[in-house]
Amino acid sequence: MENWFVGKPPAILALFNHFVSEYQRIGTVTVRAAKSMIVITTPRKGIAYAVPKKTAIDVTFPFKQAY
């Protein structure tokens, strides 16, 4: 997963680590790198999809219906 953060400012990795640690306060999560994103999952399903950019992290939360 380190490849996702190559060339990114250290603050982006720190922000991602904080995001994951906040999820871990709620319950058990696993982080895995996919081809086009980083997936944060519970034992049941993916709960967030993250793509680190140069100055931010794009995060998508899958919902059953559009809001």
C-alpha atoms as a PDB file:
ATOM      1  CA  MET A   1       0.000   0.000   0.000  1.00  0.00           C
ATOM      2  CA  GLU A   2       3.006   2.297   0.320  1.00  0.00           C
ATOM      3  CA  ASN A   3       2.882   2.870  -3.456  1.00  0.00           C
ATOM      4  CA  TRP A   4      -0.316   4.883  -3.002  1.00  0.00           C
ATOM      5  CA  PHE A   5       1.570   7.514  -1.000  1.00  0.00           C
ATOM      6  CA  VAL A   6       4.769   7.829  -3.072  1.00  0.00           C
ATOM      7  CA  GLY A   7       5.247  11.456  -4.070  1.00  0.00           C
ATOM      8  CA  LYS A   8       2.469  12.662  -1.763  1.00  0.00           C
ATOM      9  CA  PRO A   9       3.081  15.075   1.114  1.00  0.00           C
ATOM     10  CA  PRO A  10       3.472  13.427   4.546  1.00  0.00           C
ATOM     11  CA  ALA A  11       0.250  15.151   5.626  1.00  0.00           C
ATOM     12  CA  ILE A  12      -1.745  12.982   3.186  1.00  0.00           C
ATOM     13  CA  LEU A  13      -0.481   9.772   4.803  1.00  0.00           C
ATOM     14  CA  ALA A  14      -1.127  11.240   8.267  1.00  0.00           C
ATOM     15  CA  LEU A  15      -4.682  12.168   7.238  1.00  0.00           C
ATOM     16  CA  PHE A  16      -5.302   8.677   5.873  1.00  0.00           C
ATOM     17  CA  ASN A  17      -3.928   7.055   9.038  1.00  0.00           C
ATOM     18  CA  HIS A  18      -6.176   9.279  11.147  1.00  0.00           C
ATOM     19  CA  PHE A  19      -9.200   8.349   9.009  1.00  0.00           C
ATOM     20  CA  VAL A  20      -8.490   4.639   9.486  1.00  0.00           C
ATOM     21  CA  SER A  21      -7.810   5.006  13.220  1.00  0.00           C
ATOM     22  CA  GLU A  22     -11.174   6.723  13.694  1.00  0.00           C
ATOM     23  CA  TYR A  23     -12.890   3.774  11.997  1.00  0.00           C
ATOM     24  CA  GLN A  24     -10.942   1.391  14.258  1.00  0.00           C
ATOM     25  CA  ARG A  25     -12.368   3.195  17.292  1.00  0.00           C
ATOM     26  CA  ILE A  26     -15.841   2.152  16.091  1.00  0.00           C
ATOM     27  CA  GLY A  27     -15.028  -1.473  15.286  1.00  0.00           C
ATOM     28  CA  THR A  28     -12.817  -3.933  13.456  1.00  0.00           C
ATOM     29  CA  VAL A  29     -11.769  -2.782   9.990  1.00  0.00           C
ATOM     30  CA  THR A  30      -9.293  -4.022   7.438  1.00  0.00           C
ATOM     31  CA  VAL A  31      -7.439  -1.858   4.926  1.00  0.00           C
ATOM     32  CA  ARG A  32      -6.438  -3.355   1.598  1.00  0.00           C
ATOM     33  CA  ALA A  33      -5.054  -1.896  -1.577  1.00  0.00           C
ATOM     34  CA  ALA A  34      -6.984  -2.568  -4.765  1.00  0.00           C
ATOM     35  CA  LYS A  35      -5.941  -1.652  -8.290  1.00  0.00           C
ATOM     36  CA  SER A  36      -7.646   1.745  -8.380  1.00  0.00           C
ATOM     37  CA  MET A  37      -8.353   2.528  -4.706  1.00  0.00           C
ATOM     38  CA  ILE A  38      -7.784   1.646  -1.069  1.00  0.00           C
ATOM     39  CA  VAL A  39     -10.701  -0.266   0.413  1.00  0.00           C
ATOM     40  CA  ILE A  40     -11.670  -0.057   4.083  1.00  0.00           C
ATOM     41  CA  THR A  41     -13.762  -3.071   5.003  1.00  0.00           C
ATOM     42  CA  THR A  42     -15.580  -4.641   7.898  1.00  0.00           C
ATOM     43  CA  PRO A  43     -15.817  -8.423   8.093  1.00  0.00           C
ATOM     44  CA  ARG A  44     -19.053  -8.088   6.060  1.00  0.00           C
ATOM     45  CA  LYS A  45     -18.367  -5.538   3.301  1.00  0.00           C
ATOM     46  CA  GLY A  46     -16.484  -2.491   2.067  1.00  0.00           C
ATOM     47  CA  ILE A  47     -17.510   0.642   3.948  1.00  0.00           C
ATOM     48  CA  ALA A  48     -15.272   3.281   2.362  1.00  0.00           C
ATOM     49  CA  TYR A  49     -13.121   3.620  -0.732  1.00  0.00           C
ATOM     50  CA  ALA A  50     -10.200   6.058  -0.658  1.00  0.00           C
ATOM     51  CA  VAL A  51      -7.952   7.478  -3.380  1.00  0.00           C
ATOM     52  CA  PRO A  52      -5.043   9.624  -2.134  1.00  0.00           C
ATOM     53  CA  LYS A  53      -4.427  12.701  -4.297  1.00  0.00           C
ATOM     54  CA  LYS A  54      -1.633  15.267  -4.129  1.00  0.00           C
ATOM     55  CA  THR A  55      -3.421  17.629  -1.729  1.00  0.00           C
ATOM     56  CA  ALA A  56      -6.402  15.607  -0.448  1.00  0.00           C
ATOM     57  CA  ILE A  57      -7.946  12.167  -0.194  1.00  0.00           C
ATOM     58  CA  ASP A  58     -11.078  11.344  -2.192  1.00  0.00           C
ATOM     59  CA  VAL A  59     -13.337   9.113  -0.097  1.00  0.00           C
ATOM     60  CA  THR A  60     -16.489   7.393  -1.325  1.00  0.00           C
ATOM     61  CA  PHE A  61     -19.054   5.934   1.043  1.00  0.00           C
ATOM     62  CA  PRO A  62     -21.352   3.355  -0.592  1.00  0.00           C
ATOM     63  CA  PHE A  63     -25.018   3.776   0.304  1.00  0.00           C
ATOM     64  CA  LYS A  64     -27.968   1.643  -0.784  1.00  0.00           C
ATOM     65  CA  GLN A  65     -29.702   4.692  -2.229  1.00  0.00           C
ATOM     66  CA  ALA A  66     -28.533   7.998  -3.629  1.00  0.00           C
ATOM     67  CA  TYR A  67     -28.666  11.056  -1.388  1.00  0.00           C
END
